[in-house]
Amino acid sequence: MSGGAFDHRQYLLEEWARQIEPENPLLAKQMYDLHKLLNRYDYYLSGDTGEENIEKAWVKYRDKWIEMDTASIEEVMFEKCLEMVQSMINGYRKGDAE
């Protein structure tokens, strides 16, 4: 399927990162990395890759940008993120998203 669950909206992050890179290169780098994470998640939701790949991508992003010490915090944050993303996707499918 090659992704598509997000209707390729995650590419907006990449575009915005390019625009702010001259002014704030660190934020731009984080946005590029978030784009990569969302792109991996898009492939996972579309059935193009397995759960282990999104878990690896999440760990890579988390270890670079988020300091967390306990597994319980990680689990809660990932679950909340998953719920939020799923809600956005459902809203988009229903035509509620902009």
Protein backbone atom coordinates (compact mmCIF):
# COMPACT_ATOMS: atom_id res chain seq x y z
CA MET A 1 0.00 0.00 0.00
CA SER A 2 2.98 2.31 0.58
CA GLY A 3 1.45 4.36 3.34
CA GLY A 4 -1.45 6.68 2.92
CA ALA A 5 -3.31 6.35 6.22
CA PHE A 6 -2.39 9.96 6.96
CA ASP A 7 -3.04 11.00 3.36
CA HIS A 8 0.64 11.98 3.31
CA ARG A 9 -0.02 14.93 5.65
CA GLN A 10 3.10 14.07 7.62
CA TYR A 11 5.08 15.64 4.75
CA LEU A 12 3.90 19.05 5.95
CA LEU A 13 6.34 18.68 8.85
CA GLU A 14 9.19 18.24 6.41
CA GLU A 15 8.11 21.33 4.49
CA TRP A 16 7.77 23.43 7.66
CA ALA A 17 11.15 22.18 8.89
CA ARG A 18 12.78 23.43 5.69
CA GLN A 19 11.19 26.83 6.19
CA ILE A 20 12.37 27.28 9.78
CA GLU A 21 15.76 25.58 9.43
CA PRO A 22 17.74 28.80 8.82
CA GLU A 23 16.23 30.42 11.91
CA ASN A 24 16.04 27.41 14.25
CA PRO A 25 18.06 24.39 13.04
CA LEU A 26 17.49 22.35 16.20
CA LEU A 27 13.70 22.60 15.98
CA ALA A 28 13.93 21.83 12.27
CA LYS A 29 15.93 18.68 13.03
CA GLN A 30 13.33 17.55 15.57
CA MET A 31 10.58 18.17 13.02
CA TYR A 32 12.46 16.13 10.41
CA ASP A 33 12.81 13.30 12.93
CA LEU A 34 9.12 13.51 13.86
CA HIS A 35 8.29 13.37 10.16
CA LYS A 36 10.32 10.15 9.90
CA LEU A 37 8.50 8.68 12.92
CA LEU A 38 5.06 9.58 11.53
CA ASN A 39 6.04 8.22 8.13
CA ARG A 40 6.98 4.89 9.73
CA TYR A 41 3.68 4.92 11.63
CA ASP A 42 1.82 5.62 8.40
CA TYR A 43 3.42 2.55 6.83
CA TYR A 44 2.47 0.52 9.91
CA LEU A 45 -1.19 1.64 9.80
CA SER A 46 -1.32 0.83 6.10
CA GLY A 47 -0.06 -2.69 6.72
CA ASP A 48 3.20 -2.15 4.87
CA THR A 49 5.39 -2.86 7.89
CA GLY A 50 5.17 -4.70 11.17
CA GLU A 51 4.76 -3.47 14.72
CA GLU A 52 8.44 -4.06 15.47
CA ASN A 53 9.41 -1.37 12.95
CA ILE A 54 7.23 1.32 14.51
CA GLU A 55 8.49 0.32 17.95
CA LYS A 56 12.11 0.71 16.78
CA ALA A 57 11.31 4.08 15.20
CA TRP A 58 9.58 5.25 18.40
CA VAL A 59 12.53 4.18 20.57
CA LYS A 60 14.97 5.96 18.26
CA TYR A 61 12.93 9.18 18.37
CA ARG A 62 12.32 8.93 22.11
CA ASP A 63 15.96 8.29 22.93
CA LYS A 64 17.03 11.28 20.89
CA TRP A 65 14.38 13.84 21.84
CA ILE A 66 12.53 12.74 24.97
CA GLU A 67 14.05 11.89 28.31
CA MET A 68 12.06 9.16 30.03
CA ASP A 69 13.22 6.95 32.82
CA THR A 70 10.44 4.42 33.30
CA ALA A 71 8.67 1.99 31.04
CA SER A 72 5.29 2.96 32.47
CA ILE A 73 5.71 6.59 31.37
CA GLU A 74 6.70 5.41 27.90
CA GLU A 75 3.70 3.11 27.65
CA VAL A 76 1.25 5.79 28.75
CA MET A 77 2.69 8.38 26.36
CA PHE A 78 2.72 5.98 23.42
CA GLU A 79 -0.84 4.87 24.11
CA LYS A 80 -2.05 8.49 24.37
CA CYS A 81 -0.26 9.33 21.13
CA LEU A 82 -1.78 6.28 19.47
CA GLU A 83 -5.27 7.28 20.66
CA MET A 84 -4.81 10.84 19.43
CA VAL A 85 -3.54 9.75 16.02
CA GLN A 86 -6.33 7.18 15.66
CA SER A 87 -8.89 9.84 16.54
CA MET A 88 -7.43 12.16 13.90
CA ILE A 89 -7.53 9.40 11.30
CA ASN A 90 -11.12 8.51 12.16
CA GLY A 91 -12.10 12.18 11.98
CA TYR A 92 -10.40 12.51 8.63
CA ARG A 93 -12.19 9.44 7.29
CA LYS A 94 -15.52 10.86 8.46
CA GLY A 95 -14.74 14.20 6.84
CA ASP A 96 -14.39 16.07 10.14
CA ALA A 97 -10.73 16.96 9.61
CA GLU A 98 -9.59 20.06 7.81
